[in-house]
Amino acid sequence: MDTGFIGGLVPGNAAELGPLYSAGVFGFKCFLSPSGVDEFPAVSAADLRGAAPALAALDAPLMVHAEWPAVLDRHAAVSGDRRSHATWLATRPVEAETEAVSFLIQLARESGLRVHVVHASAVETVELVAAARAEGVRITVETCPHYLTFAAGEIPAGATEYKCAPPIREARQREALWEALADGRLDAVVSDHSPAPPDMKRRDEGDFLESWGGIASLQLRLPAVWTEARVREHAPERLAEWLCAGPARLAGLGRKGAIAPGRDADLVLWRPETEFVVDESMLRHRHRLTPWLGRTLAGVVEATYLRGERVYARGAADPPARGRLLTRFDS
């Protein structure tokens, strides 16, 4: 596959943003709360205010993991069964998202910064973004297949493969996110692929508070979204906007996301009505612990093409890799 890079915004690196953007990164990513990765520390409100003028001058998008640390701190001492997803959910309330997004909206309004809220799990987040955008604030928002499929009350005890941040929420949130997707308040559906070795997921102990937060789903994004979309009577062509055009537009990939003259001929051939059961043998993720295991999905991919050349065919050996390193100058 073709690959491009997003630069990281971390405390103290504001002077490096311009050179990174000049080198061709598509934008920047930051966390408002700890990422779990020591070399990618969270930024404070002061850090963001300091970097906003430089980012606005570059017209570079800033992608933000939006959970407000003060809210998370207030809920960090929640007690309960550590094998229960409900205990994890109680530590990451919707308020953590909405407080963070409210700050980002004000920052974007004051500075002209382009902000993108990654992996929204709550419709309240989407509603804040939609209202701000109606006022002219430059802000967008996405969600992920797991928020559109799973519901907190259905997650088995100890099933840490479902742990992510923000967490999977109640069924009402899932349905509200589908409504927001259908009416255009959500800009895209992305994988937020975050695999981890099984020992980091602590599946043997089933400890939701100590396990790594992330879901492996990159390979399954198309059938996962389509399986739920068809239940809600959405037409297949809606997938082209949600999974292709929307992400390409957000990333600034001008040659991607559509079948049109002058675009890359990136195509997928699939059978939308054919169902399959997800098992480890079919997954190409290095680490295959995922909440999709054992689930029946619709939409078998028969072949994929990159710039008009076949790079995958079901049941056939893969041809030599043909992916390119992309920069924003290629678009």
Protein backbone atom coordinates (compact mmCIF):
# COMPACT_ATOMS: atom_id res chain seq x y z
CA MET A 1 0.00 0.00 0.00
CA ASP A 2 0.96 3.63 -0.35
CA THR A 3 2.08 5.23 2.90
CA GLY A 4 2.33 8.80 4.15
CA PHE A 5 3.30 10.26 7.50
CA ILE A 6 1.74 12.50 10.11
CA GLY A 7 4.11 14.48 12.31
CA GLY A 8 3.84 14.41 16.09
CA LEU A 9 3.17 17.49 18.21
CA VAL A 10 4.74 16.97 21.64
CA PRO A 11 5.83 19.37 24.38
CA GLY A 12 8.74 21.53 23.25
CA ASN A 13 8.83 20.72 19.53
CA ALA A 14 6.93 23.72 18.11
CA ALA A 15 10.09 24.86 16.28
CA GLU A 16 10.22 21.54 14.42
CA LEU A 17 6.74 21.77 12.93
CA GLY A 18 7.71 23.97 9.98
CA PRO A 19 10.63 21.75 8.87
CA LEU A 20 8.48 18.63 9.21
CA TYR A 21 5.73 20.16 7.10
CA SER A 22 8.27 21.30 4.52
CA ALA A 23 9.54 17.70 4.38
CA GLY A 24 6.09 16.55 3.31
CA VAL A 25 4.14 15.27 6.32
CA PHE A 26 0.38 15.58 5.83
CA GLY A 27 -0.33 17.18 9.17
CA PHE A 28 0.25 16.66 12.87
CA LYS A 29 -1.15 14.49 15.66
CA CYS A 30 -1.23 15.09 19.39
CA PHE A 31 -2.71 13.61 22.54
CA LEU A 32 -4.39 15.67 25.25
CA SER A 33 -4.08 12.72 27.66
CA PRO A 34 -1.29 10.13 28.04
CA SER A 35 -0.91 8.03 24.89
CA GLY A 36 0.63 5.04 26.64
CA VAL A 37 3.81 5.54 24.62
CA ASP A 38 6.60 7.31 26.50
CA GLU A 39 8.14 8.90 23.39
CA PHE A 40 4.79 10.45 22.42
CA PRO A 41 3.84 12.47 25.52
CA ALA A 42 0.63 14.43 25.81
CA VAL A 43 0.50 18.17 25.24
CA SER A 44 -1.01 20.64 27.67
CA ALA A 45 -3.40 23.44 26.87
CA ALA A 46 -0.44 25.83 27.09
CA ASP A 47 1.53 23.71 24.62
CA LEU A 48 -1.34 23.86 22.16
CA ARG A 49 -1.82 27.59 22.54
CA GLY A 50 1.90 28.03 21.90
CA ALA A 51 1.90 25.87 18.78
CA ALA A 52 -1.40 27.06 17.30
CA PRO A 53 -0.05 30.19 15.56
CA ALA A 54 2.68 28.20 13.79
CA LEU A 55 0.24 25.49 12.73
CA ALA A 56 -2.30 28.05 11.54
CA ALA A 57 0.38 29.86 9.53
CA LEU A 58 1.30 26.56 7.86
CA ASP A 59 -2.40 25.76 7.32
CA ALA A 60 -1.50 22.31 8.58
CA PRO A 61 -4.26 20.13 10.09
CA LEU A 62 -3.89 19.09 13.71
CA MET A 63 -5.37 15.69 14.56
CA VAL A 64 -6.20 15.44 18.25
CA HIS A 65 -6.93 12.56 20.60
CA ALA A 66 -9.50 14.53 22.58
CA GLU A 67 -9.89 13.43 26.19
CA TRP A 68 -9.47 16.15 28.80
CA PRO A 69 -6.94 15.08 31.45
CA ALA A 70 -8.58 16.91 34.35
CA VAL A 71 -11.78 14.95 33.81
CA LEU A 72 -9.87 11.67 33.52
CA ASP A 73 -8.03 12.49 36.74
CA ARG A 74 -11.32 12.98 38.57
CA HIS A 75 -12.48 9.52 37.51
CA ALA A 76 -9.19 7.65 37.78
CA ALA A 77 -9.99 6.25 41.23
CA VAL A 78 -13.21 4.52 40.16
CA SER A 79 -13.49 1.18 41.93
CA GLY A 80 -15.06 -1.99 40.61
CA ASP A 81 -14.40 -5.34 39.03
CA ARG A 82 -11.27 -4.92 36.93
CA ARG A 83 -12.48 -7.69 34.61
CA SER A 84 -15.59 -5.68 33.78
CA HIS A 85 -15.61 -3.29 30.84
CA ALA A 86 -18.06 -1.17 32.84
CA THR A 87 -15.24 -0.33 35.26
CA TRP A 88 -13.03 0.89 32.41
CA LEU A 89 -15.94 2.83 30.89
CA ALA A 90 -16.54 4.63 34.19
CA THR A 91 -12.99 6.01 34.10
CA ARG A 92 -13.49 7.65 30.66
CA PRO A 93 -16.83 9.50 30.73
CA VAL A 94 -18.29 11.40 27.79
CA GLU A 95 -17.46 14.60 29.65
CA ALA A 96 -13.75 13.94 29.01
CA GLU A 97 -14.40 14.13 25.26
CA THR A 98 -16.72 17.12 25.34
CA GLU A 99 -14.45 19.19 27.61
CA ALA A 100 -11.51 18.54 25.30
CA VAL A 101 -13.49 19.34 22.16
CA SER A 102 -14.87 22.54 23.68
CA PHE A 103 -11.30 23.67 24.30
CA LEU A 104 -10.26 22.74 20.75
CA ILE A 105 -13.19 24.65 19.26
CA GLN A 106 -12.23 27.78 21.16
CA LEU A 107 -8.59 27.37 20.15
CA ALA A 108 -9.54 26.96 16.49
CA ARG A 109 -11.92 29.90 16.66
CA GLU A 110 -9.25 32.20 18.11
CA SER A 111 -6.29 31.08 15.99
CA GLY A 112 -7.76 29.90 12.67
CA LEU A 113 -6.18 26.49 13.26
CA ARG A 114 -7.52 23.47 11.35
CA VAL A 115 -8.49 20.84 13.92
CA HIS A 116 -9.55 17.25 13.35
CA VAL A 117 -10.99 15.24 16.25
CA VAL A 118 -9.94 11.61 15.92
CA HIS A 119 -12.04 8.56 16.86
CA ALA A 120 -15.10 10.16 18.46
CA SER A 121 -17.06 7.68 20.58
CA ALA A 122 -19.94 9.89 21.68
CA VAL A 123 -22.60 11.77 19.75
CA GLU A 124 -22.23 14.75 22.12
CA THR A 125 -18.74 15.23 20.66
CA VAL A 126 -20.13 15.18 17.12
CA GLU A 127 -22.85 17.67 18.01
CA LEU A 128 -20.30 20.14 19.41
CA VAL A 129 -18.23 19.88 16.24
CA ALA A 130 -21.26 20.29 13.98
CA ALA A 131 -22.40 23.42 15.82
CA ALA A 132 -18.93 24.95 15.70
CA ARG A 133 -18.52 24.16 12.01
CA ALA A 134 -21.85 25.86 11.29
CA GLU A 135 -20.32 28.99 12.82
CA GLY A 136 -17.30 28.79 10.52
CA VAL A 137 -14.83 27.09 12.86
CA ARG A 138 -12.38 24.86 10.94
CA ILE A 139 -13.00 21.55 12.67
CA THR A 140 -13.85 18.01 11.53
CA VAL A 141 -14.49 14.70 13.28
CA GLU A 142 -14.30 10.97 12.57
CA THR A 143 -15.38 7.70 14.17
CA CYS A 144 -14.32 4.04 13.90
CA PRO A 145 -15.87 0.64 13.10
CA HIS A 146 -15.77 -0.51 16.72
CA TYR A 147 -17.90 2.42 17.89
CA LEU A 148 -20.39 1.64 15.10
CA THR A 149 -20.57 -2.07 15.91
CA PHE A 150 -20.08 -2.93 19.57
CA ALA A 151 -21.94 -1.80 22.67
CA ALA A 152 -20.56 -1.60 26.20
CA GLY A 153 -23.28 -3.78 27.70
CA GLU A 154 -22.45 -6.64 25.32
CA ILE A 155 -18.73 -6.92 26.14
CA PRO A 156 -17.88 -10.12 28.05
CA ALA A 157 -15.98 -10.07 31.32
CA GLY A 158 -12.22 -10.14 30.81
CA ALA A 159 -12.45 -9.52 27.04
CA THR A 160 -9.70 -6.91 26.96
CA GLU A 161 -9.49 -7.10 23.16
CA TYR A 162 -12.40 -4.62 23.31
CA LYS A 163 -10.46 -2.06 25.32
CA CYS A 164 -9.77 1.23 23.56
CA ALA A 165 -9.72 4.93 24.40
CA PRO A 166 -12.14 6.57 24.25
CA PRO A 167 -14.03 3.43 25.28
CA ILE A 168 -16.82 1.65 23.47
CA ARG A 169 -20.00 3.16 24.89
CA GLU A 170 -23.65 2.24 25.25
CA ALA A 171 -25.89 1.00 22.44
CA ARG A 172 -27.65 4.37 22.29
CA GLN A 173 -24.32 5.99 21.41
CA ARG A 174 -23.72 3.46 18.64
CA GLU A 175 -27.10 4.24 17.08
CA ALA A 176 -26.64 7.99 17.46
CA LEU A 177 -23.26 7.78 15.72
CA TRP A 178 -24.91 5.96 12.82
CA GLU A 179 -27.45 8.76 12.56
CA ALA A 180 -24.64 11.34 12.55
CA LEU A 181 -22.80 9.40 9.86
CA ALA A 182 -25.91 9.16 7.72
CA ASP A 183 -26.67 12.88 7.85
CA GLY A 184 -23.10 14.07 7.26
CA ARG A 185 -22.12 15.29 10.72
CA LEU A 186 -19.30 12.73 10.79
CA ASP A 187 -16.60 13.24 8.17
CA ALA A 188 -15.14 9.74 7.91
CA VAL A 189 -14.83 6.25 9.34
CA VAL A 190 -11.22 5.24 9.98
CA SER A 191 -9.69 2.13 11.51
CA ASP A 192 -7.68 3.63 14.40
CA HIS A 193 -5.68 0.42 14.02
CA SER A 194 -3.82 -0.14 17.28
CA PRO A 195 -2.66 -3.74 17.62
CA ALA A 196 -0.60 -5.03 20.52
CA PRO A 197 1.10 -8.27 21.57
CA PRO A 198 -1.32 -10.47 23.54
CA ASP A 199 0.71 -10.03 26.73
CA MET A 200 0.11 -6.26 26.58
CA LYS A 201 -3.62 -6.88 26.29
CA ARG A 202 -3.41 -9.03 29.47
CA ARG A 203 -6.05 -11.35 28.10
CA ASP A 204 -5.16 -14.10 30.60
CA GLU A 205 -5.93 -11.82 33.54
CA GLY A 206 -8.69 -9.92 31.76
CA ASP A 207 -7.71 -6.71 33.55
CA PHE A 208 -9.33 -3.80 31.73
CA LEU A 209 -7.50 -1.17 33.77
CA GLU A 210 -3.98 -2.48 33.16
CA SER A 211 -4.24 -3.81 29.60
CA TRP A 212 -3.19 -1.89 26.48
CA GLY A 213 -5.98 0.18 24.97
CA GLY A 214 -6.26 -0.36 21.25
CA ILE A 215 -8.17 -2.40 18.68
CA ALA A 216 -6.77 -4.21 15.63
CA SER A 217 -9.15 -3.69 12.72
CA LEU A 218 -7.34 -2.28 9.67
CA GLN A 219 -7.96 -5.32 7.45
CA LEU A 220 -11.63 -5.53 8.43
CA ARG A 221 -12.79 -1.93 8.13
CA LEU A 222 -14.77 -2.42 4.90
CA PRO A 223 -16.75 -5.54 5.87
CA ALA A 224 -17.19 -4.38 9.47
CA VAL A 225 -18.79 -1.09 8.44
CA TRP A 226 -20.78 -2.65 5.61
CA THR A 227 -22.19 -5.38 7.87
CA GLU A 228 -23.73 -2.77 10.16
CA ALA A 229 -24.62 -0.36 7.35
CA ARG A 230 -26.74 -2.87 5.47
CA VAL A 231 -28.67 -3.73 8.63
CA ARG A 232 -29.63 -0.05 8.73
CA GLU A 233 -30.51 -0.09 5.02
CA HIS A 234 -27.70 2.13 3.81
CA ALA A 235 -26.72 1.70 0.16
CA PRO A 236 -23.24 0.37 -0.68
CA GLU A 237 -22.28 3.63 -2.38
CA ARG A 238 -22.38 5.41 0.98
CA LEU A 239 -19.20 3.47 1.84
CA ALA A 240 -17.31 5.35 -0.88
CA GLU A 241 -17.84 8.61 1.00
CA TRP A 242 -17.34 7.28 4.52
CA LEU A 243 -14.31 5.06 3.88
CA CYS A 244 -12.63 6.64 0.85
CA ALA A 245 -13.54 10.22 -0.08
CA GLY A 246 -13.83 11.43 3.51
CA PRO A 247 -10.46 10.13 4.74
CA ALA A 248 -8.70 11.28 1.55
CA ARG A 249 -10.15 14.76 1.92
CA LEU A 250 -9.14 15.00 5.58
CA ALA A 251 -5.58 13.82 4.87
CA GLY A 252 -5.16 16.03 1.81
CA LEU A 253 -4.72 13.06 -0.53
CA GLY A 254 -5.93 14.74 -3.69
CA ARG A 255 -5.21 11.75 -5.92
CA LYS A 256 -7.07 9.30 -3.71
CA GLY A 257 -10.63 8.69 -2.59
CA ALA A 258 -12.55 8.69 -5.88
CA ILE A 259 -12.81 6.94 -9.24
CA ALA A 260 -12.29 9.85 -11.60
CA PRO A 261 -9.92 11.16 -14.31
CA GLY A 262 -6.58 12.20 -12.83
CA ARG A 263 -7.01 10.11 -9.69
CA ASP A 264 -5.06 6.99 -8.76
CA ALA A 265 -6.93 3.87 -9.84
CA ASP A 266 -7.11 2.45 -6.31
CA LEU A 267 -9.94 -0.09 -6.51
CA VAL A 268 -11.44 -2.94 -4.54
CA LEU A 269 -13.49 -5.80 -5.95
CA TRP A 270 -15.76 -7.34 -3.37
CA ARG A 271 -18.88 -9.44 -2.92
CA PRO A 272 -21.13 -7.43 -0.60
CA GLU A 273 -23.61 -10.23 0.15
CA THR A 274 -21.06 -12.99 0.82
CA GLU A 275 -20.52 -13.61 4.52
CA PHE A 276 -17.49 -14.99 6.34
CA VAL A 277 -16.43 -15.68 9.89
CA VAL A 278 -13.32 -13.86 11.11
CA ASP A 279 -10.63 -16.27 12.29
CA GLU A 280 -6.95 -15.90 13.03
CA SER A 281 -5.80 -17.73 9.91
CA MET A 282 -7.18 -15.04 7.61
CA LEU A 283 -5.77 -12.05 9.49
CA ARG A 284 -2.60 -10.36 8.26
CA HIS A 285 -2.07 -8.32 11.40
CA ARG A 286 1.11 -9.27 13.20
CA HIS A 287 -0.88 -9.53 16.43
CA ARG A 288 -4.23 -11.14 15.83
CA LEU A 289 -6.10 -10.64 19.08
CA THR A 290 -9.10 -8.57 18.02
CA PRO A 291 -12.77 -8.27 19.05
CA TRP A 292 -13.73 -9.23 15.50
CA LEU A 293 -12.59 -12.85 15.98
CA GLY A 294 -15.51 -15.25 15.60
CA ARG A 295 -17.81 -12.55 14.25
CA THR A 296 -19.74 -13.08 11.01
CA LEU A 297 -19.19 -10.19 8.59
CA ALA A 298 -20.55 -9.47 5.14
CA GLY A 299 -18.46 -8.39 2.17
CA VAL A 300 -15.64 -10.60 0.93
CA VAL A 301 -12.79 -8.76 -0.78
CA GLU A 302 -11.79 -10.60 -3.95
CA ALA A 303 -9.03 -8.27 -5.17
CA THR A 304 -7.49 -4.86 -4.63
CA TYR A 305 -5.69 -2.61 -7.11
CA LEU A 306 -3.15 0.12 -6.43
CA ARG A 307 -2.84 2.67 -9.24
CA GLY A 308 -4.45 0.15 -11.55
CA GLU A 309 -2.16 -2.78 -10.67
CA ARG A 310 -3.44 -5.76 -8.74
CA VAL A 311 -1.76 -6.05 -5.36
CA TYR A 312 -4.04 -8.64 -3.78
CA ALA A 313 -6.24 -11.48 -5.01
CA ARG A 314 -8.03 -13.82 -2.62
CA GLY A 315 -6.36 -17.21 -2.64
CA ALA A 316 -3.38 -16.09 -4.75
CA ALA A 317 0.20 -15.31 -3.84
CA ASP A 318 0.88 -11.64 -3.35
CA PRO A 319 2.82 -9.87 -6.13
CA PRO A 320 5.91 -7.80 -5.26
CA ALA A 321 5.16 -4.76 -3.13
CA ARG A 322 4.29 -1.68 -5.18
CA GLY A 323 3.51 0.85 -2.49
CA ARG A 324 5.05 4.31 -2.48
CA LEU A 325 6.02 6.76 0.21
CA LEU A 326 3.67 9.71 -0.29
CA THR A 327 4.14 13.31 0.76
CA ARG A 328 1.64 16.14 0.66
CA PHE A 329 3.42 17.40 -2.45
CA ASP A 330 2.27 14.28 -4.34
CA SER A 331 -1.34 15.34 -4.00
